[in-house]
Every structure is written in structure tokens, then in C-alpha cells.
Amino acid sequence: MSIQTKKTFAILNFKDCDPGRCDPENGVCAAVAACAHKVIYQIDGVFEQPMINQNLCQGCWDCMDACPLDAIQIKNIGS
């Protein structure tokens, strides 16, 4: 069995994130739609900040590229 020693995942800066500024009419986070792995959700509904399931995140950068507010960064941990 192989143990993963390095993990890359997305993190959300809650101070910068505002789906109402991204999409004033609908409140839908652009990063949610961009995530091909479906690990970022607006759990509480539109106009609410998304949550990222970091355990399942593949670190593909799609959400980071889609976020017009630059509220998502990629984090690397491990060796």
C-alpha cells in the first residue's frame, strides 16, 4: 500500500469571497461550476460562500482560475 506524502488542494479566503459580487443577479459562485471534480459546493444556497472538500480536492486549479475575486488559492503540504 502506498501512502501519499504530498497533497495539493484548494483553500478559500473567506474575507475575499462574495458570490453576490461575482454574480449579482444569481449569486452563484463561478468556482463551483468550474470544478470538474465536484468538490466545491454552495451548501447553504446561492449568495452563500462555497465550501471546499479538501480531502477530495485534486488540486487541479480549475476553481482558482474561475474565481473572479481571486479568493481561492492552492496549498501544498507534505514533502
PDB file of N, CA and C in Angstrom:
ATOM      1  N   MET A   1       0.835  -1.173   0.000  1.00  0.00           N
ATOM      2  CA  MET A   1       0.000   0.000   0.000  1.00  0.00           C
ATOM      3  C   MET A   1       0.887   1.246   0.000  1.00  0.00           C
ATOM      4  N   SER A   2       0.527   2.232  -0.811  1.00  0.00           N
ATOM      5  CA  SER A   2       1.279   3.473  -0.923  1.00  0.00           C
ATOM      6  C   SER A   2       0.632   4.556  -0.065  1.00  0.00           C
ATOM      7  N   ILE A   3       1.452   5.286   0.653  1.00  0.00           N
ATOM      8  CA  ILE A   3       0.966   6.392   1.460  1.00  0.00           C
ATOM      9  C   ILE A   3       1.311   7.693   0.752  1.00  0.00           C
ATOM     10  N   GLN A   4       0.317   8.534   0.584  1.00  0.00           N
ATOM     11  CA  GLN A   4       0.530   9.810  -0.084  1.00  0.00           C
ATOM     12  C   GLN A   4       1.271  10.754   0.860  1.00  0.00           C
ATOM     13  N   THR A   5       2.450  11.219   0.445  1.00  0.00           N
ATOM     14  CA  THR A   5       3.240  12.092   1.293  1.00  0.00           C
ATOM     15  C   THR A   5       3.058  13.560   0.954  1.00  0.00           C
ATOM     16  N   LYS A   6       2.477  13.876  -0.192  1.00  0.00           N
ATOM     17  CA  LYS A   6       2.271  15.255  -0.582  1.00  0.00           C
ATOM     18  C   LYS A   6       0.841  15.436  -1.043  1.00  0.00           C
ATOM     19  N   LYS A   7       0.225  16.511  -0.651  1.00  0.00           N
ATOM     20  CA  LYS A   7      -1.156  16.781  -1.024  1.00  0.00           C
ATOM     21  C   LYS A   7      -1.269  18.222  -1.488  1.00  0.00           C
ATOM     22  N   THR A   8      -1.955  18.435  -2.576  1.00  0.00           N
ATOM     23  CA  THR A   8      -2.255  19.760  -3.092  1.00  0.00           C
ATOM     24  C   THR A   8      -3.760  19.924  -3.098  1.00  0.00           C
ATOM     25  N   PHE A   9      -4.240  21.040  -2.562  1.00  0.00           N
ATOM     26  CA  PHE A   9      -5.678  21.265  -2.514  1.00  0.00           C
ATOM     27  C   PHE A   9      -5.971  22.762  -2.515  1.00  0.00           C
ATOM     28  N   ALA A  10      -7.210  23.099  -2.803  1.00  0.00           N
ATOM     29  CA  ALA A  10      -7.651  24.489  -2.840  1.00  0.00           C
ATOM     30  C   ALA A  10      -8.109  24.931  -1.454  1.00  0.00           C
ATOM     31  N   ILE A  11      -7.845  26.204  -1.145  1.00  0.00           N
ATOM     32  CA  ILE A  11      -8.352  26.802   0.077  1.00  0.00           C
ATOM     33  C   ILE A  11      -9.066  28.101  -0.290  1.00  0.00           C
ATOM     34  N   LEU A  12     -10.095  28.431   0.472  1.00  0.00           N
ATOM     35  CA  LEU A  12     -10.907  29.603   0.207  1.00  0.00           C
ATOM     36  C   LEU A  12     -10.597  30.696   1.223  1.00  0.00           C
ATOM     37  N   ASN A  13     -10.338  31.897   0.734  1.00  0.00           N
ATOM     38  CA  ASN A  13     -10.159  33.051   1.600  1.00  0.00           C
ATOM     39  C   ASN A  13     -11.539  33.666   1.807  1.00  0.00           C
ATOM     40  N   PHE A  14     -12.119  33.440   2.966  1.00  0.00           N
ATOM     41  CA  PHE A  14     -13.487  33.867   3.233  1.00  0.00           C
ATOM     42  C   PHE A  14     -13.635  35.387   3.256  1.00  0.00           C
ATOM     43  N   LYS A  15     -12.552  36.120   3.526  1.00  0.00           N
ATOM     44  CA  LYS A  15     -12.632  37.581   3.521  1.00  0.00           C
ATOM     45  C   LYS A  15     -12.818  38.124   2.104  1.00  0.00           C
ATOM     46  N   ASP A  16     -12.271  37.434   1.114  1.00  0.00           N
ATOM     47  CA  ASP A  16     -12.354  37.900  -0.274  1.00  0.00           C
ATOM     48  C   ASP A  16     -13.546  37.333  -1.034  1.00  0.00           C
ATOM     49  N   CYS A  17     -14.112  36.240  -0.561  1.00  0.00           N
ATOM     50  CA  CYS A  17     -15.177  35.537  -1.279  1.00  0.00           C
ATOM     51  C   CYS A  17     -16.531  36.215  -1.056  1.00  0.00           C
ATOM     52  N   ASP A  18     -17.225  36.523  -2.147  1.00  0.00           N
ATOM     53  CA  ASP A  18     -18.565  37.120  -2.077  1.00  0.00           C
ATOM     54  C   ASP A  18     -19.315  36.788  -3.363  1.00  0.00           C
ATOM     55  N   PRO A  19     -20.073  35.682  -3.374  1.00  0.00           N
ATOM     56  CA  PRO A  19     -20.799  35.295  -4.587  1.00  0.00           C
ATOM     57  C   PRO A  19     -21.737  36.385  -5.107  1.00  0.00           C
ATOM     58  N   GLY A  20     -22.177  37.284  -4.254  1.00  0.00           N
ATOM     59  CA  GLY A  20     -23.014  38.400  -4.690  1.00  0.00           C
ATOM     60  C   GLY A  20     -22.263  39.390  -5.552  1.00  0.00           C
ATOM     61  N   ARG A  21     -20.961  39.498  -5.352  1.00  0.00           N
ATOM     62  CA  ARG A  21     -20.128  40.351  -6.215  1.00  0.00           C
ATOM     63  C   ARG A  21     -19.750  39.630  -7.500  1.00  0.00           C
ATOM     64  N   CYS A  22     -19.590  38.314  -7.424  1.00  0.00           N
ATOM     65  CA  CYS A  22     -19.227  37.528  -8.615  1.00  0.00           C
ATOM     66  C   CYS A  22     -20.384  37.496  -9.618  1.00  0.00           C
ATOM     67  N   ASP A  23     -21.562  37.266  -9.082  1.00  0.00           N
ATOM     68  CA  ASP A  23     -22.762  37.097  -9.905  1.00  0.00           C
ATOM     69  C   ASP A  23     -23.919  37.814  -9.206  1.00  0.00           C
ATOM     70  N   PRO A  24     -24.004  39.152  -9.376  1.00  0.00           N
ATOM     71  CA  PRO A  24     -25.000  39.928  -8.637  1.00  0.00           C
ATOM     72  C   PRO A  24     -26.450  39.498  -8.862  1.00  0.00           C
ATOM     73  N   GLU A  25     -26.755  38.958 -10.019  1.00  0.00           N
ATOM     74  CA  GLU A  25     -28.133  38.569 -10.314  1.00  0.00           C
ATOM     75  C   GLU A  25     -28.518  37.227  -9.716  1.00  0.00           C
ATOM     76  N   ASN A  26     -27.594  36.247  -9.756  1.00  0.00           N
ATOM     77  CA  ASN A  26     -27.923  34.886  -9.347  1.00  0.00           C
ATOM     78  C   ASN A  26     -27.215  34.413  -8.074  1.00  0.00           C
ATOM     79  N   GLY A  27     -26.097  35.045  -7.706  1.00  0.00           N
ATOM     80  CA  GLY A  27     -25.367  34.655  -6.504  1.00  0.00           C
ATOM     81  C   GLY A  27     -24.700  33.304  -6.585  1.00  0.00           C
ATOM     82  N   VAL A  28     -24.410  32.859  -7.796  1.00  0.00           N
ATOM     83  CA  VAL A  28     -23.785  31.549  -7.988  1.00  0.00           C
ATOM     84  C   VAL A  28     -22.276  31.725  -8.109  1.00  0.00           C
ATOM     85  N   CYS A  29     -21.553  30.971  -7.315  1.00  0.00           N
ATOM     86  CA  CYS A  29     -20.090  31.012  -7.325  1.00  0.00           C
ATOM     87  C   CYS A  29     -19.563  30.394  -8.626  1.00  0.00           C
ATOM     88  N   ALA A  30     -18.729  31.134  -9.340  1.00  0.00           N
ATOM     89  CA  ALA A  30     -18.161  30.649 -10.601  1.00  0.00           C
ATOM     90  C   ALA A  30     -17.253  29.439 -10.382  1.00  0.00           C
ATOM     91  N   ALA A  31     -16.610  29.382  -9.242  1.00  0.00           N
ATOM     92  CA  ALA A  31     -15.695  28.277  -8.953  1.00  0.00           C
ATOM     93  C   ALA A  31     -16.439  26.956  -8.789  1.00  0.00           C
ATOM     94  N   VAL A  32     -17.663  27.009  -8.277  1.00  0.00           N
ATOM     95  CA  VAL A  32     -18.455  25.784  -8.109  1.00  0.00           C
ATOM     96  C   VAL A  32     -18.717  25.143  -9.469  1.00  0.00           C
ATOM     97  N   ALA A  33     -19.125  25.948 -10.420  1.00  0.00           N
ATOM     98  CA  ALA A  33     -19.409  25.430 -11.765  1.00  0.00           C
ATOM     99  C   ALA A  33     -18.150  24.937 -12.463  1.00  0.00           C
ATOM    100  N   ALA A  34     -17.022  25.541 -12.140  1.00  0.00           N
ATOM    101  CA  ALA A  34     -15.770  25.190 -12.817  1.00  0.00           C
ATOM    102  C   ALA A  34     -15.133  23.905 -12.297  1.00  0.00           C
ATOM    103  N   CYS A  35     -15.512  23.459 -11.110  1.00  0.00           N
ATOM    104  CA  CYS A  35     -14.875  22.289 -10.505  1.00  0.00           C
ATOM    105  C   CYS A  35     -15.362  21.000 -11.174  1.00  0.00           C
ATOM    106  N   ALA A  36     -14.505  20.422 -11.986  1.00  0.00           N
ATOM    107  CA  ALA A  36     -14.847  19.182 -12.686  1.00  0.00           C
ATOM    108  C   ALA A  36     -14.976  18.001 -11.727  1.00  0.00           C
ATOM    109  N   HIS A  37     -14.337  18.100 -10.571  1.00  0.00           N
ATOM    110  CA  HIS A  37     -14.363  17.006  -9.595  1.00  0.00           C
ATOM    111  C   HIS A  37     -15.528  17.130  -8.610  1.00  0.00           C
ATOM    112  N   LYS A  38     -16.267  18.240  -8.693  1.00  0.00           N
ATOM    113  CA  LYS A  38     -17.464  18.486  -7.862  1.00  0.00           C
ATOM    114  C   LYS A  38     -17.158  18.398  -6.372  1.00  0.00           C
ATOM    115  N   VAL A  39     -16.063  19.058  -5.945  1.00  0.00           N
ATOM    116  CA  VAL A  39     -15.693  19.047  -4.537  1.00  0.00           C
ATOM    117  C   VAL A  39     -15.847  20.419  -3.889  1.00  0.00           C
ATOM    118  N   ILE A  40     -16.414  21.377  -4.613  1.00  0.00           N
ATOM    119  CA  ILE A  40     -16.703  22.691  -4.060  1.00  0.00           C
ATOM    120  C   ILE A  40     -18.199  22.944  -4.227  1.00  0.00           C
ATOM    121  N   TYR A  41     -18.848  23.338  -3.128  1.00  0.00           N
ATOM    122  CA  TYR A  41     -20.311  23.437  -3.109  1.00  0.00           C
ATOM    123  C   TYR A  41     -20.756  24.725  -2.423  1.00  0.00           C
ATOM    124  N   GLN A  42     -21.902  25.233  -2.824  1.00  0.00           N
ATOM    125  CA  GLN A  42     -22.594  26.280  -2.071  1.00  0.00           C
ATOM    126  C   GLN A  42     -23.677  25.566  -1.274  1.00  0.00           C
ATOM    127  N   ILE A  43     -23.280  24.991  -0.167  1.00  0.00           N
ATOM    128  CA  ILE A  43     -24.141  24.129   0.638  1.00  0.00           C
ATOM    129  C   ILE A  43     -25.391  24.858   1.117  1.00  0.00           C
ATOM    130  N   ASP A  44     -25.219  26.098   1.567  1.00  0.00           N
ATOM    131  CA  ASP A  44     -26.338  26.840   2.135  1.00  0.00           C
ATOM    132  C   ASP A  44     -27.158  27.584   1.086  1.00  0.00           C
ATOM    133  N   GLY A  45     -26.824  27.421  -0.183  1.00  0.00           N
ATOM    134  CA  GLY A  45     -27.602  28.033  -1.255  1.00  0.00           C
ATOM    135  C   GLY A  45     -26.874  29.182  -1.938  1.00  0.00           C
ATOM    136  N   VAL A  46     -27.554  29.748  -2.919  1.00  0.00           N
ATOM    137  CA  VAL A  46     -26.975  30.853  -3.683  1.00  0.00           C
ATOM    138  C   VAL A  46     -26.729  32.049  -2.767  1.00  0.00           C
ATOM    139  N   PHE A  47     -25.804  32.891  -3.170  1.00  0.00           N
ATOM    140  CA  PHE A  47     -25.341  34.064  -2.426  1.00  0.00           C
ATOM    141  C   PHE A  47     -24.570  33.698  -1.161  1.00  0.00           C
ATOM    142  N   GLU A  48     -24.363  32.411  -0.891  1.00  0.00           N
ATOM    143  CA  GLU A  48     -23.574  31.964   0.258  1.00  0.00           C
ATOM    144  C   GLU A  48     -22.192  31.523  -0.210  1.00  0.00           C
ATOM    145  N   GLN A  49     -21.205  31.687   0.645  1.00  0.00           N
ATOM    146  CA  GLN A  49     -19.849  31.282   0.306  1.00  0.00           C
ATOM    147  C   GLN A  49     -19.764  29.761   0.136  1.00  0.00           C
ATOM    148  N   PRO A  50     -18.977  29.309  -0.818  1.00  0.00           N
ATOM    149  CA  PRO A  50     -18.841  27.869  -1.017  1.00  0.00           C
ATOM    150  C   PRO A  50     -17.932  27.236   0.025  1.00  0.00           C
ATOM    151  N   MET A  51     -18.006  25.940   0.091  1.00  0.00           N
ATOM    152  CA  MET A  51     -17.124  25.138   0.933  1.00  0.00           C
ATOM    153  C   MET A  51     -16.373  24.181   0.008  1.00  0.00           C
ATOM    154  N   ILE A  52     -15.120  23.920   0.332  1.00  0.00           N
ATOM    155  CA  ILE A  52     -14.292  23.022  -0.468  1.00  0.00           C
ATOM    156  C   ILE A  52     -14.009  21.768   0.344  1.00  0.00           C
ATOM    157  N   ASN A  53     -14.303  20.607  -0.224  1.00  0.00           N
ATOM    158  CA  ASN A  53     -13.949  19.344   0.423  1.00  0.00           C
ATOM    159  C   ASN A  53     -12.477  19.094   0.106  1.00  0.00           C
ATOM    160  N   GLN A  54     -11.612  19.513   1.013  1.00  0.00           N
ATOM    161  CA  GLN A  54     -10.179  19.441   0.777  1.00  0.00           C
ATOM    162  C   GLN A  54      -9.656  18.012   0.734  1.00  0.00           C
ATOM    163  N   ASN A  55     -10.351  17.086   1.349  1.00  0.00           N
ATOM    164  CA  ASN A  55      -9.923  15.686   1.302  1.00  0.00           C
ATOM    165  C   ASN A  55     -10.072  15.100  -0.087  1.00  0.00           C
ATOM    166  N   LEU A  56     -11.037  15.600  -0.861  1.00  0.00           N
ATOM    167  CA  LEU A  56     -11.273  15.079  -2.205  1.00  0.00           C
ATOM    168  C   LEU A  56     -10.688  15.960  -3.304  1.00  0.00           C
ATOM    169  N   CYS A  57     -10.253  17.164  -2.946  1.00  0.00           N
ATOM    170  CA  CYS A  57      -9.719  18.106  -3.928  1.00  0.00           C
ATOM    171  C   CYS A  57      -8.489  17.519  -4.621  1.00  0.00           C
ATOM    172  N   GLN A  58      -8.453  17.666  -5.936  1.00  0.00           N
ATOM    173  CA  GLN A  58      -7.355  17.134  -6.738  1.00  0.00           C
ATOM    174  C   GLN A  58      -6.275  18.178  -7.016  1.00  0.00           C
ATOM    175  N   GLY A  59      -6.509  19.427  -6.588  1.00  0.00           N
ATOM    176  CA  GLY A  59      -5.522  20.484  -6.825  1.00  0.00           C
ATOM    177  C   GLY A  59      -5.355  20.807  -8.294  1.00  0.00           C
ATOM    178  N   CYS A  60      -6.439  20.770  -9.047  1.00  0.00           N
ATOM    179  CA  CYS A  60      -6.361  20.963 -10.499  1.00  0.00           C
ATOM    180  C   CYS A  60      -6.336  22.434 -10.925  1.00  0.00           C
ATOM    181  N   TRP A  61      -6.639  23.355 -10.040  1.00  0.00           N
ATOM    182  CA  TRP A  61      -6.615  24.795 -10.260  1.00  0.00           C
ATOM    183  C   TRP A  61      -7.831  25.333 -11.005  1.00  0.00           C
ATOM    184  N   ASP A  62      -8.768  24.505 -11.417  1.00  0.00           N
ATOM    185  CA  ASP A  62      -9.923  24.983 -12.187  1.00  0.00           C
ATOM    186  C   ASP A  62     -10.732  26.012 -11.401  1.00  0.00           C
ATOM    187  N   CYS A  63     -10.971  25.762 -10.130  1.00  0.00           N
ATOM    188  CA  CYS A  63     -11.746  26.701  -9.314  1.00  0.00           C
ATOM    189  C   CYS A  63     -10.983  28.002  -9.128  1.00  0.00           C
ATOM    190  N   MET A  64      -9.677  27.917  -8.928  1.00  0.00           N
ATOM    191  CA  MET A  64      -8.857  29.102  -8.736  1.00  0.00           C
ATOM    192  C   MET A  64      -8.873  29.974  -9.990  1.00  0.00           C
ATOM    193  N   ASP A  65      -8.773  29.347 -11.137  1.00  0.00           N
ATOM    194  CA  ASP A  65      -8.811  30.084 -12.403  1.00  0.00           C
ATOM    195  C   ASP A  65     -10.171  30.727 -12.650  1.00  0.00           C
ATOM    196  N   ALA A  66     -11.244  30.099 -12.179  1.00  0.00           N
ATOM    197  CA  ALA A  66     -12.599  30.591 -12.423  1.00  0.00           C
ATOM    198  C   ALA A  66     -13.013  31.709 -11.471  1.00  0.00           C
ATOM    199  N   CYS A  67     -12.379  31.816 -10.327  1.00  0.00           N
ATOM    200  CA  CYS A  67     -12.789  32.794  -9.308  1.00  0.00           C
ATOM    201  C   CYS A  67     -12.378  34.210  -9.726  1.00  0.00           C
ATOM    202  N   PRO A  68     -13.353  35.077 -10.006  1.00  0.00           N
ATOM    203  CA  PRO A  68     -13.020  36.439 -10.434  1.00  0.00           C
ATOM    204  C   PRO A  68     -12.495  37.326  -9.303  1.00  0.00           C
ATOM    205  N   LEU A  69     -12.646  36.903  -8.061  1.00  0.00           N
ATOM    206  CA  LEU A  69     -12.196  37.695  -6.914  1.00  0.00           C
ATOM    207  C   LEU A  69     -10.856  37.218  -6.357  1.00  0.00           C
ATOM    208  N   ASP A  70     -10.267  36.210  -6.982  1.00  0.00           N
ATOM    209  CA  ASP A  70      -9.005  35.619  -6.508  1.00  0.00           C
ATOM    210  C   ASP A  70      -9.093  35.198  -5.040  1.00  0.00           C
ATOM    211  N   ALA A  71     -10.234  34.624  -4.675  1.00  0.00           N
ATOM    212  CA  ALA A  71     -10.469  34.198  -3.295  1.00  0.00           C
ATOM    213  C   ALA A  71     -10.036  32.756  -3.042  1.00  0.00           C
ATOM    214  N   ILE A  72      -9.549  32.070  -4.068  1.00  0.00           N
ATOM    215  CA  ILE A  72      -9.135  30.675  -3.914  1.00  0.00           C
ATOM    216  C   ILE A  72      -7.655  30.554  -4.256  1.00  0.00           C
ATOM    217  N   GLN A  73      -6.934  29.902  -3.368  1.00  0.00           N
ATOM    218  CA  GLN A  73      -5.522  29.628  -3.591  1.00  0.00           C
ATOM    219  C   GLN A  73      -5.285  28.125  -3.496  1.00  0.00           C
ATOM    220  N   ILE A  74      -4.145  27.721  -4.029  1.00  0.00           N
ATOM    221  CA  ILE A  74      -3.748  26.304  -3.950  1.00  0.00           C
ATOM    222  C   ILE A  74      -2.707  26.180  -2.839  1.00  0.00           C
ATOM    223  N   LYS A  75      -2.881  25.174  -2.007  1.00  0.00           N
ATOM    224  CA  LYS A  75      -1.975  24.927  -0.882  1.00  0.00           C
ATOM    225  C   LYS A  75      -1.321  23.570  -1.074  1.00  0.00           C
ATOM    226  N   ASN A  76      -0.039  23.500  -0.788  1.00  0.00           N
ATOM    227  CA  ASN A  76       0.718  22.253  -0.826  1.00  0.00           C
ATOM    228  C   ASN A  76       1.178  21.909   0.575  1.00  0.00           C
ATOM    229  N   ILE A  77       0.984  20.665   0.999  1.00  0.00           N
ATOM    230  CA  ILE A  77       1.511  20.215   2.280  1.00  0.00           C
ATOM    231  C   ILE A  77       2.255  18.918   2.055  1.00  0.00           C
ATOM    232  N   GLY A  78       3.121  18.587   2.976  1.00  0.00           N
ATOM    233  CA  GLY A  78       3.875  17.338   2.879  1.00  0.00           C
ATOM    234  C   GLY A  78       5.221  17.561   2.225  1.00  0.00           C
ATOM    235  N   SER A  79       5.895  16.453   1.995  1.00  0.00           N
ATOM    236  CA  SER A  79       7.250  16.548   1.426  1.00  0.00           C
ATOM    237  C   SER A  79       7.256  16.378  -0.059  1.00  0.00           C
TER     238      SER A  79
END
